Structure formats: C-alpha cells, structure tokens
C-alpha atoms as a PDB file:
ATOM      1  CA  MET A   1       0.277  -0.089   0.022  1.00  0.00           C
ATOM      2  CA  LEU A   2       2.580   2.295   1.276  1.00  0.00           C
ATOM      3  CA  ASN A   3       4.406   1.689  -2.111  1.00  0.00           C
ATOM      4  CA  LYS A   4       1.218   2.326  -4.212  1.00  0.00           C
ATOM      5  CA  VAL A   5       1.048   5.673  -2.389  1.00  0.00           C
ATOM      6  CA  THR A   6       4.644   6.242  -2.956  1.00  0.00           C
ATOM      7  CA  SER A   7       4.407   5.866  -6.582  1.00  0.00           C
ATOM      8  CA  SER A   8       1.081   8.122  -6.811  1.00  0.00           C
ATOM      9  CA  ILE A   9       3.066  10.979  -5.369  1.00  0.00           C
ATOM     10  CA  ARG A  10       6.161  10.553  -7.543  1.00  0.00           C
ATOM     11  CA  ASN A  11       3.824  10.393 -10.833  1.00  0.00           C
ATOM     12  CA  VAL A  12       2.464  13.649  -9.460  1.00  0.00           C
ATOM     13  CA  TYR A  13       5.474  15.504  -8.914  1.00  0.00           C
ATOM     14  CA  ALA A  14       6.309  14.584 -12.227  1.00  0.00           C
ATOM     15  CA  ASP A  15       3.423  15.859 -14.093  1.00  0.00           C
ATOM     16  CA  ILE A  16       3.921  19.167 -12.176  1.00  0.00           C
ATOM     17  CA  VAL A  17       7.840  19.397 -13.136  1.00  0.00           C
ATOM     18  CA  VAL A  18       6.626  18.521 -16.832  1.00  0.00           C
ATOM     19  CA  ASN A  19       3.581  20.980 -16.781  1.00  0.00           C
ATOM     20  CA  THR A  20       6.147  23.328 -15.141  1.00  0.00           C
ATOM     21  CA  GLY A  21       8.701  23.029 -17.730  1.00  0.00           C
ATOM     22  CA  GLY A  22       5.692  23.445 -20.281  1.00  0.00           C
ATOM     23  CA  VAL A  23       4.336  27.128 -18.628  1.00  0.00           C
ATOM     24  CA  ARG A  24       7.839  28.474 -18.380  1.00  0.00           C
ATOM     25  CA  THR A  25       8.557  27.741 -21.798  1.00  0.00           C
ATOM     26  CA  ASN A  26       5.480  29.281 -23.159  1.00  0.00           C
ATOM     27  CA  LEU A  27       6.027  32.162 -20.836  1.00  0.00           C
ATOM     28  CA  ARG A  28       9.236  32.439 -22.646  1.00  0.00           C
ATOM     29  CA  ARG A  29       7.507  31.921 -25.854  1.00  0.00           C
ATOM     30  CA  LEU A  30       5.119  35.353 -24.941  1.00  0.00           C
ATOM     31  CA  ARG A  31       7.565  37.273 -23.664  1.00  0.00           C
ATOM     32  CA  THR A  32       9.575  37.076 -27.044  1.00  0.00           C
ATOM     33  CA  ARG A  33       6.820  37.466 -29.155  1.00  0.00           C
ATOM     34  CA  ILE A  34       5.532  40.680 -27.315  1.00  0.00           C
ATOM     35  CA  ALA A  35       9.270  42.011 -27.443  1.00  0.00           C
ATOM     36  CA  ASP A  36       9.208  40.846 -31.216  1.00  0.00           C
ATOM     37  CA  THR A  37       5.751  42.661 -31.716  1.00  0.00           C
ATOM     38  CA  ARG A  38       6.835  46.137 -30.166  1.00  0.00           C
ATOM     39  CA  ALA A  39       9.929  46.341 -32.151  1.00  0.00           C
ATOM     40  CA  LEU A  40       8.142  45.556 -35.537  1.00  0.00           C
ATOM     41  CA  SER A  41       6.126  48.655 -33.941  1.00  0.00           C
ATOM     42  CA  ALA A  42       8.855  51.030 -33.315  1.00  0.00           C
ATOM     43  CA  ALA A  43      10.114  50.082 -36.755  1.00  0.00           C
ATOM     44  CA  ARG A  44       6.448  51.200 -38.629  1.00  0.00           C
ATOM     45  CA  ARG A  45       6.360  54.318 -36.740  1.00  0.00           C
ATOM     46  CA  SER A  46       9.542  54.975 -37.822  1.00  0.00           C
ATOM     47  CA  GLU A  47       8.796  53.898 -41.754  1.00  0.00           C
ATOM     48  CA  PRO A  48       5.763  54.716 -42.573  1.00  0.00           C
ATOM     49  CA  TRP A  49       6.254  52.604 -45.989  1.00  0.00           C
ATOM     50  CA  LEU A  50       7.070  49.403 -43.970  1.00  0.00           C
ATOM     51  CA  SER A  51       3.803  49.011 -43.319  1.00  0.00           C
ATOM     52  CA  GLU A  52       2.622  48.705 -46.802  1.00  0.00           C
ATOM     53  CA  VAL A  53       5.497  45.948 -47.011  1.00  0.00           C
ATOM     54  CA  ILE A  54       3.792  43.951 -44.350  1.00  0.00           C
ATOM     55  CA  GLU A  55       0.468  43.575 -45.574  1.00  0.00           C
ATOM     56  CA  HIS A  56       2.226  42.311 -49.237  1.00  0.00           C
ATOM     57  CA  ILE A  57       3.698  39.832 -47.060  1.00  0.00           C
ATOM     58  CA  GLY A  58       0.741  37.275 -46.370  1.00  0.00           C
ATOM     59  CA  PRO A  59      -0.153  37.251 -50.704  1.00  0.00           C
ATOM     60  CA  CYS A  60       3.752  36.820 -51.607  1.00  0.00           C
ATOM     61  CA  ARG A  61       3.960  33.917 -48.704  1.00  0.00           C
ATOM     62  CA  ARG A  62       1.122  32.233 -50.349  1.00  0.00           C
ATOM     63  CA  ARG A  63       2.808  32.868 -54.338  1.00  0.00           C
ATOM     64  CA  LEU A  64       6.308  31.061 -53.065  1.00  0.00           C
ATOM     65  CA  ARG A  65       4.822  28.519 -50.631  1.00  0.00           C
ATOM     66  CA  GLY A  66       4.610  25.834 -53.213  1.00  0.00           C
ATOM     67  CA  ARG A  67       7.825  27.022 -55.349  1.00  0.00           C
ATOM     68  CA  TYR A  68       9.430  26.980 -51.496  1.00  0.00           C
ATOM     69  CA  SER A  69       8.482  23.508 -51.401  1.00  0.00           C
ATOM     70  CA  GLN A  70       9.986  22.176 -54.129  1.00  0.00           C
ATOM     71  CA  TYR A  71      13.089  23.519 -53.519  1.00  0.00           C
ATOM     72  CA  THR A  72      14.070  22.693 -50.172  1.00  0.00           C
ATOM     73  CA  ASP A  73      13.117  19.037 -51.499  1.00  0.00           C
ATOM     74  CA  PHE A  74      15.097  18.933 -54.506  1.00  0.00           C
ATOM     75  CA  VAL A  75      17.591  21.438 -54.411  1.00  0.00           C
ATOM     76  CA  SER A  76      18.627  22.841 -50.555  1.00  0.00           C
ATOM     77  CA  ASN A  77      17.870  21.950 -47.597  1.00  0.00           C
ATOM     78  CA  PRO A  78      15.262  24.601 -45.087  1.00  0.00           C
ATOM     79  CA  GLY A  79      18.001  25.290 -42.675  1.00  0.00           C
ATOM     80  CA  ASN A  80      20.267  26.391 -45.303  1.00  0.00           C
ATOM     81  CA  ALA A  81      17.675  28.173 -48.229  1.00  0.00           C
ATOM     82  CA  LEU A  82      16.516  31.494 -46.825  1.00  0.00           C
ATOM     83  CA  SER A  83      13.724  30.728 -44.864  1.00  0.00           C
ATOM     84  CA  LEU A  84      10.176  31.460 -46.031  1.00  0.00           C
ATOM     85  CA  GLN A  85       9.414  34.101 -43.939  1.00  0.00           C
ATOM     86  CA  SER A  86      11.919  35.946 -45.301  1.00  0.00           C
ATOM     87  CA  SER A  87      12.011  34.917 -49.056  1.00  0.00           C
ATOM     88  CA  ALA A  88       8.533  36.347 -48.591  1.00  0.00           C
ATOM     89  CA  LEU A  89       9.481  40.198 -46.928  1.00  0.00           C
ATOM     90  CA  VAL A  90      12.274  40.286 -50.045  1.00  0.00           C
ATOM     91  CA  TYR A  91       9.485  39.749 -52.670  1.00  0.00           C
ATOM     92  CA  ALA A  92       7.166  41.832 -50.604  1.00  0.00           C
ATOM     93  CA  LEU A  93       9.887  44.773 -50.589  1.00  0.00           C
ATOM     94  CA  CYS A  94      10.664  44.498 -54.119  1.00  0.00           C
ATOM     95  CA  GLU A  95       6.887  44.942 -55.093  1.00  0.00           C
ATOM     96  CA  THR A  96       6.286  47.952 -53.058  1.00  0.00           C
ATOM     97  CA  LEU A  97       9.812  49.456 -52.939  1.00  0.00           C
ATOM     98  CA  ARG A  98      10.199  48.978 -56.829  1.00  0.00           C
ATOM     99  CA  PRO A  99      13.955  48.934 -56.869  1.00  0.00           C
ATOM    100  CA  ALA A 100      15.611  49.555 -60.168  1.00  0.00           C
ATOM    101  CA  SER A 101      18.622  47.586 -58.566  1.00  0.00           C
ATOM    102  CA  VAL A 102      18.800  44.323 -56.503  1.00  0.00           C
ATOM    103  CA  LEU A 103      22.141  43.125 -54.737  1.00  0.00           C
ATOM    104  CA  ASP A 104      21.298  39.206 -53.672  1.00  0.00           C
ATOM    105  CA  LEU A 105      24.338  38.543 -51.489  1.00  0.00           C
ATOM    106  CA  GLY A 106      24.404  34.866 -51.780  1.00  0.00           C
ATOM    107  CA  SER A 107      22.942  32.895 -54.146  1.00  0.00           C
ATOM    108  CA  GLY A 108      19.851  30.307 -54.080  1.00  0.00           C
ATOM    109  CA  PHE A 109      15.994  30.988 -53.487  1.00  0.00           C
ATOM    110  CA  SER A 110      16.726  34.540 -52.902  1.00  0.00           C
ATOM    111  CA  SER A 111      17.423  34.629 -56.424  1.00  0.00           C
ATOM    112  CA  TYR A 112      14.598  32.874 -57.807  1.00  0.00           C
ATOM    113  CA  VAL A 113      12.440  35.651 -55.724  1.00  0.00           C
ATOM    114  CA  VAL A 114      14.418  38.534 -56.737  1.00  0.00           C
ATOM    115  CA  GLY A 115      14.770  37.335 -60.228  1.00  0.00           C
ATOM    116  CA  THR A 116      11.043  36.582 -60.439  1.00  0.00           C
ATOM    117  CA  TYR A 117      10.212  40.437 -59.561  1.00  0.00           C
ATOM    118  CA  GLN A 118      12.896  41.505 -62.083  1.00  0.00           C
ATOM    119  CA  GLY A 119      10.587  39.303 -64.685  1.00  0.00           C
ATOM    120  CA  GLU A 120       7.736  41.030 -63.652  1.00  0.00           C
ATOM    121  CA  SER A 121       8.843  44.627 -63.100  1.00  0.00           C
ATOM    122  CA  THR A 122       7.641  47.530 -65.721  1.00  0.00           C
ATOM    123  CA  GLN A 123      10.664  48.901 -65.489  1.00  0.00           C
ATOM    124  CA  THR A 124      14.334  48.168 -65.985  1.00  0.00           C
ATOM    125  CA  VAL A 125      15.558  46.285 -63.026  1.00  0.00           C
ATOM    126  CA  LEU A 126      19.558  45.470 -62.347  1.00  0.00           C
ATOM    127  CA  VAL A 127      19.995  42.526 -60.966  1.00  0.00           C
ATOM    128  CA  ARG A 128      23.204  40.847 -59.321  1.00  0.00           C
ATOM    129  CA  SER A 129      23.130  37.365 -57.106  1.00  0.00           C
ATOM    130  CA  VAL A 130      26.237  36.748 -56.087  1.00  0.00           C
ATOM    131  CA  ASP A 131      27.916  33.567 -53.830  1.00  0.00           C
ATOM    132  CA  ASP A 132      31.385  32.797 -52.607  1.00  0.00           C
ATOM    133  CA  SER A 133      30.694  28.754 -54.023  1.00  0.00           C
ATOM    134  CA  ARG A 134      31.243  28.507 -57.715  1.00  0.00           C
ATOM    135  CA  GLU A 135      29.899  25.172 -57.044  1.00  0.00           C
ATOM    136  CA  TRP A 136      27.333  26.506 -55.425  1.00  0.00           C
ATOM    137  CA  LEU A 137      26.329  29.165 -58.179  1.00  0.00           C
ATOM    138  CA  GLU A 138      26.421  26.751 -60.737  1.00  0.00           C
ATOM    139  CA  ARG A 139      22.978  25.193 -59.204  1.00  0.00           C
ATOM    140  CA  THR A 140      22.107  28.234 -58.526  1.00  0.00           C
ATOM    141  CA  ARG A 141      22.052  28.666 -62.230  1.00  0.00           C
ATOM    142  CA  ASP A 142      20.599  25.438 -63.111  1.00  0.00           C
ATOM    143  CA  TYR A 143      18.048  26.152 -60.985  1.00  0.00           C
ATOM    144  CA  LEU A 144      17.034  29.358 -62.788  1.00  0.00           C
ATOM    145  CA  LYS A 145      17.421  27.627 -65.899  1.00  0.00           C
ATOM    146  CA  GLN A 146      14.678  25.373 -65.719  1.00  0.00           C
ATOM    147  CA  LEU A 147      11.992  28.083 -64.586  1.00  0.00           C
ATOM    148  CA  GLY A 148      13.003  30.460 -67.353  1.00  0.00           C
ATOM    149  CA  LEU A 149      14.850  32.935 -65.708  1.00  0.00           C
ATOM    150  CA  PRO A 150      17.500  34.805 -66.526  1.00  0.00           C
ATOM    151  CA  THR A 151      21.018  33.871 -65.058  1.00  0.00           C
ATOM    152  CA  GLU A 152      23.080  37.216 -66.391  1.00  0.00           C
ATOM    153  CA  GLY A 153      22.975  38.944 -63.407  1.00  0.00           C
ATOM    154  CA  LEU A 154      25.014  35.696 -61.892  1.00  0.00           C
ATOM    155  CA  ARG A 155      28.415  36.469 -60.307  1.00  0.00           C
ATOM    156  CA  SER A 156      31.368  34.811 -58.347  1.00  0.00           C
ATOM    157  CA  LEU A 157      32.075  36.714 -54.890  1.00  0.00           C
ATOM    158  CA  ASP A 158      35.658  37.290 -56.717  1.00  0.00           C
ATOM    159  CA  GLU A 159      34.141  38.385 -60.274  1.00  0.00           C
ATOM    160  CA  PHE A 160      32.176  40.619 -58.408  1.00  0.00           C
ATOM    161  CA  GLU A 161      34.402  42.718 -56.360  1.00  0.00           C
ATOM    162  CA  ALA A 162      36.621  42.571 -59.293  1.00  0.00           C
ATOM    163  CA  THR A 163      33.878  45.303 -61.094  1.00  0.00           C
ATOM    164  CA  GLY A 164      34.099  47.506 -58.551  1.00  0.00           C
ATOM    165  CA  CYS A 165      30.671  45.608 -56.405  1.00  0.00           C
ATOM    166  CA  GLY A 166      28.577  49.526 -57.093  1.00  0.00           C
ATOM    167  CA  ILE A 167      25.585  50.810 -55.598  1.00  0.00           C
ATOM    168  CA  PHE A 168      22.428  49.041 -54.795  1.00  0.00           C
ATOM    169  CA  ASP A 169      18.942  50.164 -53.825  1.00  0.00           C
ATOM    170  CA  LEU A 170      18.284  46.992 -52.628  1.00  0.00           C
ATOM    171  CA  VAL A 171      20.312  44.499 -50.629  1.00  0.00           C
ATOM    172  CA  ILE A 172      19.653  40.915 -49.284  1.00  0.00           C
ATOM    173  CA  TYR A 173      22.865  40.098 -47.235  1.00  0.00           C
ATOM    174  CA  ASP A 174      22.912  35.735 -46.762  1.00  0.00           C
ATOM    175  CA  LEU A 175      26.354  35.184 -48.043  1.00  0.00           C
ATOM    176  CA  GLY A 176      28.502  31.662 -47.630  1.00  0.00           C
ATOM    177  CA  SER A 177      29.437  30.503 -43.685  1.00  0.00           C
ATOM    178  CA  MET A 178      28.669  32.949 -41.089  1.00  0.00           C
ATOM    179  CA  GLU A 179      32.725  33.573 -41.078  1.00  0.00           C
ATOM    180  CA  THR A 180      32.590  34.618 -44.653  1.00  0.00           C
ATOM    181  CA  ARG A 181      29.428  36.822 -43.647  1.00  0.00           C
ATOM    182  CA  LYS A 182      31.242  38.666 -41.087  1.00  0.00           C
ATOM    183  CA  ARG A 183      34.653  39.842 -42.932  1.00  0.00           C
ATOM    184  CA  TRP A 184      32.331  41.091 -45.868  1.00  0.00           C
ATOM    185  CA  LEU A 185      29.763  42.240 -43.643  1.00  0.00           C
ATOM    186  CA  ARG A 186      30.899  46.707 -44.311  1.00  0.00           C
ATOM    187  CA  ASN A 187      31.705  45.704 -47.693  1.00  0.00           C
ATOM    188  CA  ALA A 188      27.900  44.560 -48.077  1.00  0.00           C
ATOM    189  CA  ILE A 189      26.981  47.355 -46.277  1.00  0.00           C
ATOM    190  CA  LEU A 190      28.905  49.911 -48.361  1.00  0.00           C
ATOM    191  CA  CYS A 191      26.905  48.607 -51.624  1.00  0.00           C
ATOM    192  CA  VAL A 192      23.202  49.893 -50.160  1.00  0.00           C
ATOM    193  CA  LYS A 193      22.350  53.078 -51.521  1.00  0.00           C
ATOM    194  CA  PRO A 194      23.041  55.572 -49.159  1.00  0.00           C
ATOM    195  CA  VAL A 195      19.879  57.835 -47.593  1.00  0.00           C
ATOM    196  CA  THR A 196      17.137  55.922 -50.246  1.00  0.00           C
ATOM    197  CA  GLY A 197      18.435  52.310 -50.087  1.00  0.00           C
ATOM    198  CA  VAL A 198      17.069  49.241 -47.968  1.00  0.00           C
ATOM    199  CA  ALA A 199      18.931  46.130 -46.689  1.00  0.00           C
ATOM    200  CA  LEU A 200      17.870  42.637 -45.456  1.00  0.00           C
ATOM    201  CA  ILE A 201      20.508  40.922 -43.283  1.00  0.00           C
ATOM    202  CA  ASP A 202      20.177  37.045 -42.574  1.00  0.00           C
ATOM    203  CA  ASP A 203      20.378  34.902 -39.372  1.00  0.00           C
ATOM    204  CA  CYS A 204      21.011  37.580 -36.742  1.00  0.00           C
ATOM    205  CA  HIS A 205      19.838  35.353 -34.591  1.00  0.00           C
ATOM    206  CA  VAL A 206      23.985  34.737 -33.792  1.00  0.00           C
ATOM    207  CA  GLY A 207      24.388  37.028 -30.765  1.00  0.00           C
ATOM    208  CA  ASP A 208      28.221  37.792 -31.899  1.00  0.00           C
ATOM    209  CA  PHE A 209      27.334  38.668 -35.969  1.00  0.00           C
ATOM    210  CA  ALA A 210      24.245  40.459 -34.288  1.00  0.00           C
ATOM    211  CA  SER A 211      26.608  42.861 -32.567  1.00  0.00           C
ATOM    212  CA  GLN A 212      28.702  43.318 -35.616  1.00  0.00           C
ATOM    213  CA  VAL A 213      25.999  44.054 -37.762  1.00  0.00           C
ATOM    214  CA  VAL A 214      25.015  46.773 -35.005  1.00  0.00           C
ATOM    215  CA  SER A 215      28.360  48.269 -35.026  1.00  0.00           C
ATOM    216  CA  ALA A 216      28.627  48.627 -38.530  1.00  0.00           C
ATOM    217  CA  VAL A 217      25.429  50.383 -39.363  1.00  0.00           C
ATOM    218  CA  ARG A 218      26.463  52.931 -36.951  1.00  0.00           C
ATOM    219  CA  GLU A 219      29.283  53.565 -38.195  1.00  0.00           C
ATOM    220  CA  ARG A 220      27.069  54.412 -41.403  1.00  0.00           C
ATOM    221  CA  GLY A 221      25.211  56.383 -39.521  1.00  0.00           C
ATOM    222  CA  GLY A 222      22.068  54.258 -40.833  1.00  0.00           C
ATOM    223  CA  ARG A 223      18.867  52.781 -38.741  1.00  0.00           C
ATOM    224  CA  LEU A 224      18.396  49.198 -38.089  1.00  0.00           C
ATOM    225  CA  TYR A 225      15.223  47.826 -37.263  1.00  0.00           C
ATOM    226  CA  ASP A 226      14.795  43.969 -35.205  1.00  0.00           C
ATOM    227  CA  ILE A 227      12.444  42.571 -37.565  1.00  0.00           C
ATOM    228  CA  ALA A 228      11.968  39.101 -35.734  1.00  0.00           C
ATOM    229  CA  ARG A 229       8.483  39.473 -36.163  1.00  0.00           C
ATOM    230  CA  ILE A 230       8.180  38.694 -39.606  1.00  0.00           C
ATOM    231  CA  THR A 231      10.925  36.548 -40.542  1.00  0.00           C
ATOM    232  CA  ARG A 232      11.789  34.107 -37.422  1.00  0.00           C
ATOM    233  CA  ASP A 233      11.433  31.009 -38.455  1.00  0.00           C
ATOM    234  CA  ARG A 234      11.136  27.673 -36.689  1.00  0.00           C
ATOM    235  CA  PHE A 235      14.945  27.155 -36.628  1.00  0.00           C
ATOM    236  CA  GLY A 236      15.020  30.356 -34.903  1.00  0.00           C
ATOM    237  CA  ARG A 237      17.019  32.412 -37.796  1.00  0.00           C
ATOM    238  CA  ARG A 238      15.988  35.923 -37.685  1.00  0.00           C
ATOM    239  CA  SER A 239      16.627  39.455 -39.513  1.00  0.00           C
ATOM    240  CA  PHE A 240      17.983  42.919 -39.264  1.00  0.00           C
ATOM    241  CA  LEU A 241      16.235  45.686 -41.518  1.00  0.00           C
ATOM    242  CA  VAL A 242      18.616  48.906 -42.721  1.00  0.00           C
ATOM    243  CA  THR A 243      18.156  52.028 -44.075  1.00  0.00           C
ATOM    244  CA  GLY A 244      19.110  55.479 -44.101  1.00  0.00           C
ATOM    245  CA  LEU A 245      22.803  55.131 -44.731  1.00  0.00           C
ATOM    246  CA  ALA A 246      24.626  57.763 -44.825  1.00  0.00           C
ATOM    247  CA  GLY A 247      26.745  58.322 -48.321  1.00  0.00           C
END
C-alpha cells in the first residue's frame, strides 16, 4: 500500500515538473513575441512604408510557398535556404519599393525571388546574385534556367569584387558561411545606396554577428530594426532591416 502511495506521489510530482516546464516555455515564448511585436511597431512608426510592405507579405508568402517547398525538397535543405518568411519579405520589399537595382549576396532561393520580380517589373531592373561558392552558383544557375529565369546577373564573389561591386537600392545579405558573412559585412553595407537604400541582413540570431551588424550600421549612420516578428522561423533565425545610411 505504501509503495502504491509513493508511486502515485512520484507521478504527481513528475506531472507538476513537466507542466511547470511547459508553462515556463510558454511564458518565454510569450515574452519573446511581445518584444518582437514592440520592435516591429517601433520600426513601422519610424519607416511608414514598412506597413505597406507588411501588408504584402501574406500574399507573397502564398505565392512562394509551393515553389519554396519544391526548392527545399530537391535543391537545398530548409536550414540552409533563406527562410520562407524572409523570402516573402524580400518579395514584398520588391513589390512595394520597386527597386531599380537589387543585390542578392548569397545565391539560392532568393535569386528566384528577385529574378521573378525582375521578370514581372515594368521597369528595367538590374539584378546581381553573388556567391562565394562557384559550385553553388552553378546549381543556382541550373535552377533558374529550369524555370526560365535570367541568369546573366550571376557572379562569383571574386568577379563581383573585381568589377567594383556598385551601389544598389535593395541588398539581401545571406552570403556563405558565418565567417565569410562577418568578414564581408562592411563591404555589403557599402553596397547599399545612401539615404534611400534598404538592406535585409539574415541570420541575426547569431549573437556576435548581430552585434557586428549593429556596429557596422552605426558606422554608416544608418537606422537598424530587429524585424524578428516577421522573419523568425522554426530554426530561430531572424533578420535585421537597415536603411537611412549616410553617404
């Protein structure tokens, strides 16, 4: 009898521990969501155009979902590809801001997104999709060709640097390994058009990289926004939005 009582007490205690852990996890998620929402609200107040971009994200995500699923099944895995959330944001930025030039630093699904925008645009759009891996660049080339999208804007990082890089209205920064990304960060920031240019910098969940982004943007006198509320994915990845850089 005593053994049964002891066993029952242990089971109840185990349930309490599990449930308490679940409550704590949910509280952490709630706090994170509140912080993310506040950060996004602040960004919208500072950049009024961002509200229109956010309105476009849902439709853009629905348009991309099928193609993204195919891409992560047959070309790359979801952990390496730009997230669907960030891809939809890139598409929404293109549809809303109508950039005349786009720099895609880190080829892949983002190359499909900006290539689709380029093909749909009524204006001439300059697109450069750059990668530090020639092998991966060729895989991107094959993928775009299969879909009938232009490939003349593809460049290796060496080729891109040799031609003087340039200045772009929209820059998507998701280049190579984290070490490569840290090393090339300030160059990427220099590619953003002063004052009106916008940059989306991915993988800012990595603490030391995030702090380096903050420092690099401050050096250029720009404005930086944590937009985790609309870019956080199941891997915990999130992006920063940069604008208002000084010349």
